Protein backbone atom coordinates (compact mmCIF):
# COMPACT_ATOMS: atom_id res chain seq x y z
CA UNK A 1 181.68 236.05 -97.66
CA UNK A 2 182.09 233.09 -99.40
CA UNK A 3 179.00 231.25 -100.13
CA UNK A 4 177.42 228.25 -101.12
CA UNK A 5 174.43 225.79 -101.56
CA UNK A 6 173.52 222.46 -102.92
CA UNK A 7 171.11 221.99 -105.12
CA UNK A 8 169.27 219.87 -107.61
CA UNK A 9 168.88 220.78 -111.29
CA UNK A 10 165.32 220.68 -113.05
CA UNK A 11 166.18 221.66 -116.28
CA UNK A 12 166.38 224.47 -118.47
CA UNK A 13 163.18 227.63 -119.78
CA UNK A 14 163.15 231.07 -120.49
CA UNK A 15 162.96 233.89 -118.79
CA UNK A 16 162.42 237.92 -120.45
CA UNK A 17 163.76 241.06 -118.99
CA UNK A 18 162.09 244.02 -118.48
CA UNK A 19 163.88 244.81 -121.90
CA UNK A 20 162.30 242.65 -123.91
CA UNK A 21 165.19 239.94 -124.56
CA UNK A 22 164.95 236.35 -124.18
CA UNK A 23 167.50 235.04 -121.49
CA UNK A 24 167.56 230.94 -121.58
CA UNK A 25 167.76 229.58 -117.69
CA UNK A 26 168.59 226.60 -115.70
CA UNK A 27 166.75 226.35 -112.81
CA UNK A 28 168.44 224.82 -109.66
CA UNK A 29 166.48 223.91 -106.74
CA UNK A 30 168.48 224.95 -104.26
CA UNK A 31 168.55 223.74 -100.63
CA UNK A 32 166.88 224.44 -97.64
CA UNK A 33 170.42 222.76 -96.65
CA UNK A 34 171.20 221.86 -93.43
CA UNK A 35 174.89 222.84 -91.77
CA UNK A 36 175.98 219.12 -90.50
CA UNK A 37 179.81 219.91 -90.03
CA UNK A 38 182.01 222.65 -89.56
CA UNK A 39 185.87 222.37 -89.14
CA UNK A 40 188.20 224.05 -87.96
CA UNK A 41 192.35 224.93 -88.78
CA UNK A 42 192.58 223.89 -85.03
CA UNK A 43 190.83 220.49 -84.79
CA UNK A 44 191.11 218.80 -88.75
CA UNK A 45 193.88 221.46 -89.97
CA UNK A 46 191.28 223.63 -92.11
CA UNK A 47 187.86 225.48 -92.64
CA UNK A 48 184.60 224.10 -94.28
CA UNK A 49 181.48 223.81 -93.84
CA UNK A 50 179.46 220.41 -94.52
CA UNK A 51 176.10 220.61 -95.76
CA UNK A 52 173.24 218.18 -96.17
CA UNK A 53 170.64 218.06 -98.69
CA UNK A 54 167.70 216.50 -99.72
CA UNK A 55 165.44 215.09 -96.94
CA UNK A 56 164.98 211.56 -96.17
CA UNK A 57 163.52 209.11 -93.91
CA UNK A 58 165.46 208.01 -91.06
CA UNK A 59 165.28 204.06 -91.52
CA UNK A 60 167.01 204.88 -95.12
CA UNK A 61 170.29 205.72 -93.16
CA UNK A 62 172.50 203.09 -91.84
CA UNK A 63 174.26 203.47 -88.20
CA UNK A 64 177.61 206.17 -88.74
CA UNK A 65 175.63 208.02 -91.13
CA UNK A 66 172.97 208.35 -88.29
CA UNK A 67 175.90 208.98 -85.79
CA UNK A 68 176.98 211.09 -88.40
CA UNK A 69 173.75 213.79 -88.02
CA UNK A 70 172.81 213.39 -85.12
CA UNK A 71 174.32 216.44 -83.98
CA UNK A 72 172.85 218.49 -86.68
CA UNK A 73 169.42 216.76 -86.73
CA UNK A 74 168.92 216.78 -89.62
CA UNK A 75 168.24 213.06 -91.78
CA UNK A 76 170.07 213.35 -94.95
CA UNK A 77 170.77 211.45 -98.09
CA UNK A 78 174.11 214.33 -99.79
CA UNK A 79 176.33 215.86 -98.18
CA UNK A 80 178.98 217.94 -99.39
CA UNK A 81 182.06 220.44 -98.59
CA UNK A 82 182.65 223.55 -99.17
CA UNK A 83 185.76 225.84 -97.94
CA UNK A 84 183.91 229.32 -97.39
CA UNK A 85 186.67 231.66 -95.58
CA UNK A 86 185.14 233.84 -93.12
CA UNK A 87 181.31 231.89 -92.67
CA UNK A 88 179.80 232.42 -89.68
CA UNK A 89 177.20 229.50 -89.93
CA UNK A 90 177.13 227.13 -87.09
CA UNK A 91 175.97 223.25 -86.98
CA UNK A 92 171.82 223.17 -87.34
CA UNK A 93 171.60 226.28 -89.13
CA UNK A 94 169.77 226.07 -92.41
CA UNK A 95 171.00 227.61 -95.82
CA UNK A 96 168.64 228.47 -98.41
CA UNK A 97 168.02 229.60 -101.97
CA UNK A 98 167.80 233.37 -100.80
CA UNK A 99 171.89 233.10 -99.66
CA UNK A 100 172.19 234.87 -103.46
CA UNK A 101 170.46 237.11 -104.98
CA UNK A 102 170.24 238.46 -108.31
CA UNK A 103 172.82 240.00 -110.31
CA UNK A 104 175.45 237.31 -108.23
CA UNK A 105 177.86 235.91 -110.66
CA UNK A 106 178.18 232.59 -109.22
CA UNK A 107 180.05 229.11 -110.50
CA UNK A 108 177.98 225.42 -110.86
CA UNK A 109 179.30 222.04 -110.75
CA UNK A 110 177.99 218.99 -111.74
CA UNK A 111 178.64 215.90 -113.00
CA UNK A 112 177.89 215.25 -117.16
CA UNK A 113 175.68 213.12 -118.91
CA UNK A 114 177.61 210.11 -119.56
CA UNK A 115 177.24 208.45 -123.17
CA UNK A 116 178.64 205.41 -122.38
CA UNK A 117 181.61 203.91 -124.79
CA UNK A 118 181.81 205.82 -127.98
CA UNK A 119 183.98 206.81 -131.06
CA UNK A 120 186.23 209.35 -131.52
CA UNK A 121 183.65 211.69 -133.87
CA UNK A 122 180.81 211.81 -130.81
CA UNK A 123 184.38 211.65 -128.33
CA UNK A 124 186.72 214.47 -130.22
CA UNK A 125 183.87 215.78 -133.07
CA UNK A 126 186.26 214.54 -135.17
CA UNK A 127 185.76 214.11 -138.81
CA UNK A 128 184.93 211.37 -140.78
CA UNK A 129 186.40 209.02 -143.21
CA UNK A 130 186.37 209.82 -147.21
CA UNK A 131 183.30 208.41 -148.75
CA UNK A 132 185.21 206.96 -151.78
CA UNK A 133 186.68 203.79 -153.02
CA UNK A 134 190.00 202.60 -151.48
CA UNK A 135 188.07 202.99 -147.84
CA UNK A 136 186.89 201.45 -145.36
CA UNK A 137 184.86 199.51 -145.01
CA UNK A 138 184.09 201.75 -141.44
CA UNK A 139 184.04 205.23 -142.24
CA UNK A 140 183.93 206.45 -138.35
CA UNK A 141 186.91 204.81 -137.05
CA UNK A 142 189.76 206.80 -135.75
CA UNK A 143 191.92 206.90 -138.88
CA UNK A 144 195.56 206.71 -139.32
CA UNK A 145 197.76 206.25 -136.23
CA UNK A 146 200.99 207.39 -137.29
CA UNK A 147 203.99 206.67 -138.92
CA UNK A 148 204.60 202.58 -139.25
CA UNK A 149 208.57 203.47 -139.21
CA UNK A 150 208.84 205.56 -136.73
CA UNK A 151 207.59 206.23 -133.59
CA UNK A 152 206.25 202.88 -134.88
CA UNK A 153 203.42 202.65 -132.11
CA UNK A 154 200.75 205.27 -131.06
CA UNK A 155 201.68 207.96 -129.18
CA UNK A 156 200.38 208.74 -125.75
CA UNK A 157 197.29 211.35 -125.37
CA UNK A 158 196.23 210.57 -128.73
CA UNK A 159 192.38 210.51 -128.77
CA UNK A 160 190.76 207.51 -129.52
CA UNK A 161 187.48 205.63 -128.87
CA UNK A 162 186.29 205.64 -124.96
CA UNK A 163 184.11 206.12 -122.42
CA UNK A 164 182.77 209.74 -122.56
CA UNK A 165 180.59 211.41 -119.66
CA UNK A 166 180.17 210.83 -116.19
CA UNK A 167 182.62 213.28 -115.03
CA UNK A 168 182.71 216.70 -113.33
CA UNK A 169 182.55 219.55 -115.08
CA UNK A 170 182.77 223.30 -113.20
CA UNK A 171 181.04 226.27 -115.15
CA UNK A 172 182.29 230.06 -114.43
CA UNK A 173 180.72 233.01 -114.28
CA UNK A 174 176.96 232.12 -114.93
CA UNK A 175 174.63 235.27 -113.78
CA UNK A 176 171.44 234.65 -111.50
CA UNK A 177 168.61 236.00 -113.01
CA UNK A 178 166.15 235.40 -110.60
CA UNK A 179 165.57 233.73 -106.92
CA UNK A 180 162.46 232.63 -105.56
CA UNK A 181 162.57 231.98 -102.17
CA UNK A 182 158.97 230.61 -101.76
CA UNK A 183 160.37 228.17 -104.09
CA UNK A 184 163.35 227.78 -103.30
CA UNK A 185 164.44 227.53 -106.84
CA UNK A 186 167.58 229.80 -108.03
CA UNK A 187 167.24 230.46 -112.15
CA UNK A 188 171.07 230.64 -113.53
CA UNK A 189 171.79 232.23 -116.69
CA UNK A 190 172.83 229.51 -119.92
CA UNK A 191 173.46 225.84 -119.16
CA UNK A 192 174.76 223.43 -116.44
CA UNK A 193 176.46 219.86 -116.45
CA UNK A 194 174.06 217.39 -115.41
CA UNK A 195 171.15 215.58 -116.91
CA UNK A 196 167.86 216.85 -115.28
CA UNK A 197 167.34 215.85 -111.66
CA UNK A 198 171.46 215.36 -110.94
CA UNK A 199 172.96 217.48 -108.05
CA UNK A 200 174.68 220.53 -108.96
CA UNK A 201 176.50 222.50 -106.16
CA UNK A 202 176.09 226.63 -106.80
CA UNK A 203 178.94 229.10 -104.64
CA UNK A 204 179.89 232.39 -105.34
CA UNK A 205 182.36 233.33 -108.31
CA UNK A 206 185.93 232.50 -107.38
CA UNK A 207 187.54 234.64 -110.44
CA UNK A 208 184.63 237.79 -110.31
């Protein structure tokens, strides 16, 4: 059965395995999530489960949000939809961290850190220009854009300065090292996109 949960990235640490090897892990506050909507082929044209995460006071939600959440009885801040085939979850059901088990593989989706407007060295890992006479006065600029005679323009797709970060990125096939049901956290091997306290979406690996 397909499984998924919404979580919050708390940071990174390390875990020592039984054979003494050190494994870097990301700590994810996974759930608890409430099923706020179940979509079906008959009514919506496809099967999906909508989960809600992070309880907030009712006064912080507007009337349309409260109306949408009325059936589940939840007052949550974040909503996300997962296409889970064969799921038996119903509206109002709870999904917690123990939906996953140690040793399983998951895909984690998050929004990368924002770096603002950056140059080509930081954004595209390009080299700086030579620090010699005749070059400059800026040594971290893009450099030559192409021949002046033909095509006499900058070709589409060239790596240029611009906004860097704040993109949705999914890291595939991360191993679940440990599940702490009491604290509601997942320890996932390796790094996941996003800053601390950012929202991430964890689901079972689609390519494993």
